[in-house]
């Protein structure tokens, strides 16, 4: 296996030879390419680890400013640092801290008007001497706005203008030329993530808060609630205890076919569930005479259910872990309000899980005549006790 060693940043040494910036691309072996790629990743990860070790109380000062801000966290930077600033601003906003990006050049031409006294400015510059940033600082200070500097030099012009300084350190770029912002931007990005997430924790940001800010896409759907994907009760097959199986299945189907019948008590509470697979098993086991029995004799009692407000990702996990195809949705009084079919969660549950759920349902406990008689005896005893009461 090729071995790489970090030298001065000008060359990458491997067992097969040396690749420096003068090596023709046609002479670069796979081992050299891998060594170079691993070297870049190693340099950047080492720099982030070093930044973590060197965090001091100035980081805490910055966090307190962010957490106590009653306005917006305005993030600014130019070039690659500006791109990082945009991402940090987006992370802050999506994790519970209002934020927007301000281009420093545009700020000097009117966009300073977007700043308010209760805002906090987070300024990024690895050198701390970026002209567009340093020219902006006196004007921001004059507005009474607190400043946090995210920079590689604690003695820079930017740092001296700030109320709090988070230092990324004097990092060496991973570029063979030592010029392209690579390691420095990775460290700035990581520090920005740390600042955003620590602030989010202090603000008691919850998964419910996160869901409100991410309504779109697959992530938003996972954080949605079961009511958003369930089939409402009006589109479900529902039977009452005492209904014969034959009667239940001869009723017209709702507009959207479901693979199960929810069985309810006379008071409206969920009593059990009877699936199409249960019906098929009666015929497979030549127990078709049971279709003229009350459905509670063959239903599954106390089925697994989802409660109103349950996250869709948790519903999907429940279906997968229990290998179920249908899941009744009930309110706080155990009254059914809808049903989730596994096909409604395509994209949440892996295809093989859907297939195994259906197979397991077909192979689940088989009803026998003795079991049905036992169920009838239990129901009869229950009815007798109720009449006696």
Protein backbone atom coordinates (compact mmCIF):
# COMPACT_ATOMS: atom_id res chain seq x y z
CA UNK A 1 0.00 0.00 0.00
CA UNK A 2 1.28 3.44 -0.86
CA UNK A 3 2.49 5.54 2.05
CA UNK A 4 2.33 9.30 2.14
CA UNK A 5 4.23 11.80 4.22
CA UNK A 6 3.44 15.46 4.68
CA UNK A 7 6.49 17.51 3.84
CA UNK A 8 6.58 21.25 3.26
CA UNK A 9 3.30 21.26 1.39
CA UNK A 10 5.21 21.41 -1.91
CA UNK A 11 5.36 17.67 -2.55
CA UNK A 12 3.73 14.38 -1.60
CA UNK A 13 6.08 11.41 -1.11
CA UNK A 14 4.88 7.88 -1.79
CA UNK A 15 6.69 4.57 -2.12
CA UNK A 16 6.38 4.78 -5.91
CA UNK A 17 8.13 8.13 -6.10
CA UNK A 18 7.73 11.81 -5.38
CA UNK A 19 4.98 13.99 -6.78
CA UNK A 20 5.55 17.69 -6.53
CA UNK A 21 3.96 20.55 -8.42
CA UNK A 22 6.33 19.99 -11.37
CA UNK A 23 5.24 16.38 -11.89
CA UNK A 24 3.45 16.02 -15.27
CA UNK A 25 -0.11 14.79 -14.89
CA UNK A 26 0.68 11.88 -17.22
CA UNK A 27 3.24 10.62 -14.69
CA UNK A 28 0.85 10.69 -11.73
CA UNK A 29 0.05 7.16 -10.57
CA UNK A 30 -3.08 6.15 -8.68
CA UNK A 31 -0.96 5.88 -5.55
CA UNK A 32 0.15 9.49 -5.96
CA UNK A 33 -3.41 10.71 -6.46
CA UNK A 34 -4.62 8.86 -3.39
CA UNK A 35 -1.70 10.11 -1.32
CA UNK A 36 -2.37 13.69 -2.37
CA UNK A 37 -6.10 13.43 -1.60
CA UNK A 38 -5.46 11.87 1.80
CA UNK A 39 -2.89 14.53 2.58
CA UNK A 40 -5.41 17.32 1.90
CA UNK A 41 -7.99 15.67 4.14
CA UNK A 42 -5.43 15.03 6.86
CA UNK A 43 -4.24 18.64 6.85
CA UNK A 44 -7.76 20.00 7.08
CA UNK A 45 -8.92 17.57 9.79
CA UNK A 46 -5.75 18.21 11.82
CA UNK A 47 -6.33 21.96 11.59
CA UNK A 48 -9.92 21.60 12.82
CA UNK A 49 -8.77 19.40 15.70
CA UNK A 50 -6.13 21.98 16.60
CA UNK A 51 -8.73 24.76 16.57
CA UNK A 52 -10.88 22.72 18.95
CA UNK A 53 -7.99 22.28 21.37
CA UNK A 54 -7.18 25.99 21.34
CA UNK A 55 -10.71 27.26 22.00
CA UNK A 56 -10.67 29.56 25.02
CA UNK A 57 -13.07 31.77 26.96
CA UNK A 58 -13.24 34.24 24.09
CA UNK A 59 -15.39 31.62 22.35
CA UNK A 60 -17.74 31.74 25.35
CA UNK A 61 -17.88 35.54 25.12
CA UNK A 62 -18.89 35.26 21.48
CA UNK A 63 -21.55 32.67 22.29
CA UNK A 64 -23.04 34.91 24.99
CA UNK A 65 -23.29 37.74 22.48
CA UNK A 66 -25.04 35.50 19.97
CA UNK A 67 -27.41 34.01 22.53
CA UNK A 68 -28.42 37.36 24.02
CA UNK A 69 -28.91 39.09 20.66
CA UNK A 70 -32.50 40.31 20.32
CA UNK A 71 -32.04 41.32 16.70
CA UNK A 72 -30.35 39.48 13.86
CA UNK A 73 -26.89 37.97 13.56
CA UNK A 74 -25.49 39.72 10.50
CA UNK A 75 -22.64 37.71 8.97
CA UNK A 76 -20.17 39.31 6.58
CA UNK A 77 -17.10 38.35 4.56
CA UNK A 78 -15.68 38.50 1.03
CA UNK A 79 -14.23 35.94 -1.34
CA UNK A 80 -14.12 32.39 -0.03
CA UNK A 81 -14.66 33.71 3.49
CA UNK A 82 -17.80 35.37 2.17
CA UNK A 83 -19.10 32.04 0.90
CA UNK A 84 -18.40 30.51 4.30
CA UNK A 85 -20.17 33.47 5.92
CA UNK A 86 -23.29 32.78 3.85
CA UNK A 87 -23.32 29.17 4.99
CA UNK A 88 -22.83 30.12 8.66
CA UNK A 89 -25.70 32.58 8.38
CA UNK A 90 -27.91 29.87 6.89
CA UNK A 91 -26.99 27.45 9.68
CA UNK A 92 -27.75 30.05 12.34
CA UNK A 93 -31.14 30.81 10.80
CA UNK A 94 -32.14 27.17 10.43
CA UNK A 95 -31.19 26.34 14.02
CA UNK A 96 -33.18 29.05 15.73
CA UNK A 97 -31.03 32.18 15.55
CA UNK A 98 -32.29 34.87 13.12
CA UNK A 99 -29.50 35.75 10.71
CA UNK A 100 -28.75 37.20 7.29
CA UNK A 101 -25.67 37.82 5.16
CA UNK A 102 -24.34 41.31 4.43
CA UNK A 103 -21.81 41.91 1.67
CA UNK A 104 -19.25 44.42 3.03
CA UNK A 105 -18.94 46.31 -0.25
CA UNK A 106 -22.70 46.68 -0.60
CA UNK A 107 -22.81 47.75 3.04
CA UNK A 108 -20.59 50.73 2.21
CA UNK A 109 -23.00 51.71 -0.55
CA UNK A 110 -26.27 51.78 1.34
CA UNK A 111 -26.82 48.35 2.85
CA UNK A 112 -25.64 49.56 6.25
CA UNK A 113 -29.26 50.59 6.49
CA UNK A 114 -30.20 46.94 7.02
CA UNK A 115 -28.40 46.96 10.38
CA UNK A 116 -30.14 47.71 13.65
CA UNK A 117 -28.69 48.55 17.04
CA UNK A 118 -29.87 45.26 18.54
CA UNK A 119 -28.06 43.23 15.86
CA UNK A 120 -24.68 41.53 16.25
CA UNK A 121 -22.15 41.54 13.41
CA UNK A 122 -20.10 38.38 12.83
CA UNK A 123 -17.18 39.27 10.54
CA UNK A 124 -14.99 36.66 8.83
CA UNK A 125 -11.44 37.25 7.60
CA UNK A 126 -8.63 34.73 8.00
CA UNK A 127 -5.96 37.44 7.83
CA UNK A 128 -8.01 39.97 9.75
CA UNK A 129 -6.77 42.62 7.33
CA UNK A 130 -9.24 42.27 4.44
CA UNK A 131 -9.75 45.86 3.28
CA UNK A 132 -13.49 45.60 2.62
CA UNK A 133 -13.98 44.26 6.15
CA UNK A 134 -11.68 46.62 8.06
CA UNK A 135 -13.20 49.68 6.33
CA UNK A 136 -16.63 48.60 7.51
CA UNK A 137 -15.77 48.18 11.19
CA UNK A 138 -15.70 51.87 12.31
CA UNK A 139 -19.14 52.47 10.80
CA UNK A 140 -20.61 49.43 12.54
CA UNK A 141 -19.04 50.47 15.84
CA UNK A 142 -20.47 53.97 15.45
CA UNK A 143 -23.94 52.43 15.20
CA UNK A 144 -23.47 50.80 18.60
CA UNK A 145 -23.54 47.29 17.16
CA UNK A 146 -21.51 44.55 18.89
CA UNK A 147 -18.91 42.80 16.71
CA UNK A 148 -17.59 39.24 16.77
CA UNK A 149 -14.43 38.57 14.75
CA UNK A 150 -13.78 35.12 13.30
CA UNK A 151 -10.16 35.38 12.20
CA UNK A 152 -6.81 33.64 12.16
CA UNK A 153 -4.97 36.47 13.94
CA UNK A 154 -5.93 37.77 17.36
CA UNK A 155 -3.73 40.87 16.86
CA UNK A 156 -5.24 41.89 13.51
CA UNK A 157 -7.12 45.09 12.69
CA UNK A 158 -10.39 43.16 12.64
CA UNK A 159 -9.70 41.58 16.02
CA UNK A 160 -8.90 44.94 17.60
CA UNK A 161 -12.26 46.27 16.37
CA UNK A 162 -14.26 43.42 17.87
CA UNK A 163 -15.98 42.82 21.19
CA UNK A 164 -15.16 39.11 20.98
CA UNK A 165 -12.58 37.23 18.93
CA UNK A 166 -12.77 33.57 17.91
CA UNK A 167 -9.37 32.65 16.52
CA UNK A 168 -8.98 29.98 13.85
CA UNK A 169 -5.19 30.01 14.17
CA UNK A 170 -2.35 30.38 11.71
CA UNK A 171 -3.20 27.43 9.50
CA UNK A 172 -1.26 26.10 6.52
CA UNK A 173 -3.35 25.76 3.36
CA UNK A 174 -3.59 22.26 1.89
CA UNK A 175 -2.86 23.61 -1.59
CA UNK A 176 0.57 22.60 -2.95
CA UNK A 177 1.11 26.27 -3.76
CA UNK A 178 0.08 27.24 -0.25
CA UNK A 179 -2.28 29.84 -1.72
CA UNK A 180 -5.82 28.55 -2.33
CA UNK A 181 -8.09 29.00 0.71
CA UNK A 182 -8.70 25.39 1.73
CA UNK A 183 -7.65 24.54 5.27
CA UNK A 184 -8.48 28.05 6.48
CA UNK A 185 -12.02 27.97 5.08
CA UNK A 186 -12.62 24.49 6.51
CA UNK A 187 -11.65 25.73 9.97
CA UNK A 188 -13.80 28.86 9.63
CA UNK A 189 -16.75 26.71 8.56
CA UNK A 190 -16.28 24.30 11.47
CA UNK A 191 -16.01 27.13 13.99
CA UNK A 192 -19.14 28.69 12.53
CA UNK A 193 -20.99 25.40 12.96
CA UNK A 194 -19.79 25.18 16.56
CA UNK A 195 -20.97 28.72 17.30
CA UNK A 196 -24.37 28.14 15.69
CA UNK A 197 -25.04 24.84 17.42
CA UNK A 198 -23.89 25.92 20.88
CA UNK A 199 -26.09 29.01 20.56
CA UNK A 200 -28.97 26.79 19.41
CA UNK A 201 -28.58 24.65 22.52
CA UNK A 202 -28.61 27.70 24.79
CA UNK A 203 -31.82 28.85 23.09
CA UNK A 204 -33.45 25.47 23.81
CA UNK A 205 -34.00 24.78 20.12
CA UNK A 206 -36.13 21.66 19.67
CA UNK A 207 -36.93 19.22 16.87
CA UNK A 208 -40.36 20.88 16.64
CA UNK A 209 -38.65 24.23 16.04
CA UNK A 210 -36.44 22.60 13.42
CA UNK A 211 -39.49 21.14 11.64
CA UNK A 212 -41.12 24.57 11.40
CA UNK A 213 -38.05 25.91 9.59
CA UNK A 214 -37.70 22.92 7.23
CA UNK A 215 -41.15 22.22 5.78
CA UNK A 216 -39.87 21.26 2.33
CA UNK A 217 -38.05 18.29 0.85
CA UNK A 218 -37.46 14.86 2.34
CA UNK A 219 -36.14 16.31 5.60
CA UNK A 220 -39.27 18.38 6.04
CA UNK A 221 -41.46 15.37 5.34
CA UNK A 222 -39.64 13.25 7.92
CA UNK A 223 -40.23 15.94 10.51
CA UNK A 224 -43.89 16.22 9.55
CA UNK A 225 -46.62 14.60 11.61
CA UNK A 226 -48.65 11.50 10.89
CA UNK A 227 -51.77 13.55 10.13
CA UNK A 228 -50.06 14.89 7.00
CA UNK A 229 -49.77 11.44 5.38
CA UNK A 230 -52.46 9.29 6.97
CA UNK A 231 -55.66 8.36 5.20
CA UNK A 232 -58.48 10.15 7.05
CA UNK A 233 -61.22 8.12 8.66
CA UNK A 234 -63.62 8.98 5.83
CA UNK A 235 -61.34 7.09 3.43
CA UNK A 236 -60.81 4.07 5.69
CA UNK A 237 -62.72 0.84 6.08
CA UNK A 238 -64.33 0.78 9.52
CA UNK A 239 -66.46 -1.89 11.19
CA UNK A 240 -68.19 -2.12 14.56
CA UNK A 241 -67.85 -5.07 16.91
CA UNK A 242 -70.72 -7.41 16.13
CA UNK A 243 -70.54 -6.87 12.37
CA UNK A 244 -70.12 -10.10 10.43
CA UNK A 245 -66.95 -10.49 8.39
CA UNK A 246 -69.02 -11.11 5.25
CA UNK A 247 -71.01 -7.92 5.83
CA UNK A 248 -67.89 -5.84 6.38
CA UNK A 249 -66.23 -6.98 3.15
CA UNK A 250 -69.39 -6.64 1.06
CA UNK A 251 -69.62 -2.92 1.77
CA UNK A 252 -68.51 -0.53 -1.02
CA UNK A 253 -64.87 0.44 -0.71
CA UNK A 254 -63.83 4.02 0.10
CA UNK A 255 -62.17 6.05 -2.65
CA UNK A 256 -58.69 4.95 -1.48
CA UNK A 257 -58.42 1.27 -0.71
CA UNK A 258 -56.71 0.39 2.55
CA UNK A 259 -55.33 -3.01 3.40
CA UNK A 260 -57.08 -3.22 6.74
CA UNK A 261 -60.41 -2.74 8.49
CA UNK A 262 -60.37 -0.88 11.79
CA UNK A 263 -62.84 -2.37 14.25
CA UNK A 264 -64.33 -0.01 16.81
CA UNK A 265 -66.30 -0.48 20.01
CA UNK A 266 -69.81 0.92 20.31
CA UNK A 267 -68.35 3.90 22.18
CA UNK A 268 -66.03 4.67 19.26
CA UNK A 269 -62.78 3.39 20.74
CA UNK A 270 -60.50 1.18 18.65
CA UNK A 271 -61.09 -2.49 19.44
CA UNK A 272 -58.86 -4.15 16.87
CA UNK A 273 -57.80 -4.50 13.26
CA UNK A 274 -58.53 -7.06 10.54
CA UNK A 275 -56.39 -7.04 7.42
CA UNK A 276 -56.84 -8.34 3.90
CA UNK A 277 -54.12 -10.85 4.74
CA UNK A 278 -56.19 -12.07 7.69
CA UNK A 279 -59.10 -12.66 5.31
CA UNK A 280 -56.87 -14.49 2.85
CA UNK A 281 -55.61 -16.78 5.61
CA UNK A 282 -59.17 -17.85 6.46
CA UNK A 283 -59.58 -19.18 2.94
CA UNK A 284 -56.06 -20.63 2.78
CA UNK A 285 -56.73 -22.62 5.96
CA UNK A 286 -60.20 -23.60 4.73
CA UNK A 287 -61.85 -21.67 7.53
CA UNK A 288 -64.12 -19.76 5.19
CA UNK A 289 -67.10 -20.54 7.43
CA UNK A 290 -65.68 -17.93 9.78
CA UNK A 291 -66.67 -15.13 7.43
CA UNK A 292 -70.15 -15.49 8.91
CA UNK A 293 -68.79 -14.86 12.42
CA UNK A 294 -68.56 -11.45 14.14
CA UNK A 295 -65.38 -9.70 13.08
CA UNK A 296 -64.16 -9.36 16.67
CA UNK A 297 -63.72 -13.15 16.72
CA UNK A 298 -60.99 -13.00 14.09
CA UNK A 299 -59.55 -9.49 14.47
CA UNK A 300 -56.23 -8.63 16.09
CA UNK A 301 -56.97 -7.05 19.44
CA UNK A 302 -54.94 -4.18 20.91
CA UNK A 303 -53.05 -3.47 17.68
CA UNK A 304 -50.00 -1.24 17.49
CA UNK A 305 -51.13 2.35 16.88
CA UNK A 306 -49.73 5.82 16.20
CA UNK A 307 -50.86 8.82 18.18
CA UNK A 308 -51.82 12.18 16.76
CA UNK A 309 -48.72 14.35 16.39
CA UNK A 310 -46.30 11.44 15.95
CA UNK A 311 -43.42 12.29 13.62
CA UNK A 312 -43.50 10.52 10.25
CA UNK A 313 -39.93 9.29 10.69
CA UNK A 314 -41.03 7.63 13.96
CA UNK A 315 -44.10 6.15 12.26
CA UNK A 316 -41.85 4.71 9.53
CA UNK A 317 -39.48 3.29 12.15
CA UNK A 318 -42.41 1.71 14.01
CA UNK A 319 -43.77 0.07 10.86
CA UNK A 320 -40.32 -1.24 9.99
CA UNK A 321 -39.45 -2.53 13.47
CA UNK A 322 -42.81 -4.29 13.93
CA UNK A 323 -42.92 -5.40 10.29
CA UNK A 324 -46.41 -4.00 9.86
CA UNK A 325 -48.21 -2.89 6.72
CA UNK A 326 -50.95 -0.78 8.33
CA UNK A 327 -51.01 1.40 11.42
CA UNK A 328 -54.20 2.91 12.89
CA UNK A 329 -53.91 6.51 14.07
CA UNK A 330 -55.83 7.30 17.26
CA UNK A 331 -56.53 10.34 19.40
CA UNK A 332 -55.96 10.67 23.15
CA UNK A 333 -59.19 8.73 23.83
CA UNK A 334 -58.13 5.81 21.60
CA UNK A 335 -60.65 6.77 18.95
CA UNK A 336 -59.39 6.16 15.39
CA UNK A 337 -58.89 9.25 13.23
CA UNK A 338 -57.16 7.62 10.28
CA UNK A 339 -54.78 4.94 9.09
CA UNK A 340 -51.26 4.87 7.66
CA UNK A 341 -50.51 2.27 5.01
CA UNK A 342 -46.88 1.38 4.42
CA UNK A 343 -47.22 2.37 0.76
CA UNK A 344 -47.99 5.92 1.93
CA UNK A 345 -44.46 6.12 3.30
CA UNK A 346 -42.48 5.17 0.22
CA UNK A 347 -39.14 6.91 0.61
CA UNK A 348 -39.20 6.55 4.38
CA UNK A 349 -39.14 2.77 4.55
CA UNK A 350 -36.67 0.70 2.54
CA UNK A 351 -38.25 -1.39 -0.26
CA UNK A 352 -37.04 -4.63 1.33
CA UNK A 353 -38.81 -3.64 4.55
CA UNK A 354 -42.08 -3.16 2.68
CA UNK A 355 -41.70 -6.59 1.08
CA UNK A 356 -40.82 -8.32 4.36
CA UNK A 357 -43.70 -6.56 6.16
CA UNK A 358 -46.19 -7.98 3.69
CA UNK A 359 -44.60 -11.44 3.87
CA UNK A 360 -44.57 -11.46 7.67
CA UNK A 361 -48.21 -10.39 7.74
CA UNK A 362 -49.13 -13.29 5.46
CA UNK A 363 -47.22 -15.72 7.73
CA UNK A 364 -48.47 -14.38 11.08
CA UNK A 365 -50.57 -16.40 13.55
CA UNK A 366 -53.27 -18.41 11.78
CA UNK A 367 -56.85 -18.40 13.03
CA UNK A 368 -58.32 -21.79 13.89
CA UNK A 369 -61.87 -22.86 14.69
CA UNK A 370 -60.80 -23.52 18.28
CA UNK A 371 -59.35 -20.02 18.60
CA UNK A 372 -62.53 -18.46 17.24
CA UNK A 373 -64.65 -20.48 19.68
CA UNK A 374 -62.39 -19.31 22.47
CA UNK A 375 -62.86 -15.69 21.37
CA UNK A 376 -66.65 -16.15 21.28
CA UNK A 377 -66.61 -17.56 24.82
CA UNK A 378 -64.57 -14.60 26.05
CA UNK A 379 -66.99 -12.15 24.40
CA UNK A 380 -70.02 -13.99 25.78
CA UNK A 381 -68.60 -13.95 29.29
CA UNK A 382 -67.87 -10.24 28.94
CA UNK A 383 -71.43 -9.54 27.75
CA UNK A 384 -72.90 -11.57 30.63
CA UNK A 385 -70.87 -9.70 33.21
CA UNK A 386 -71.97 -6.38 31.72
CA UNK A 387 -75.65 -7.41 31.86
CA UNK A 388 -75.23 -8.56 35.46
CA UNK A 389 -73.68 -5.22 36.36
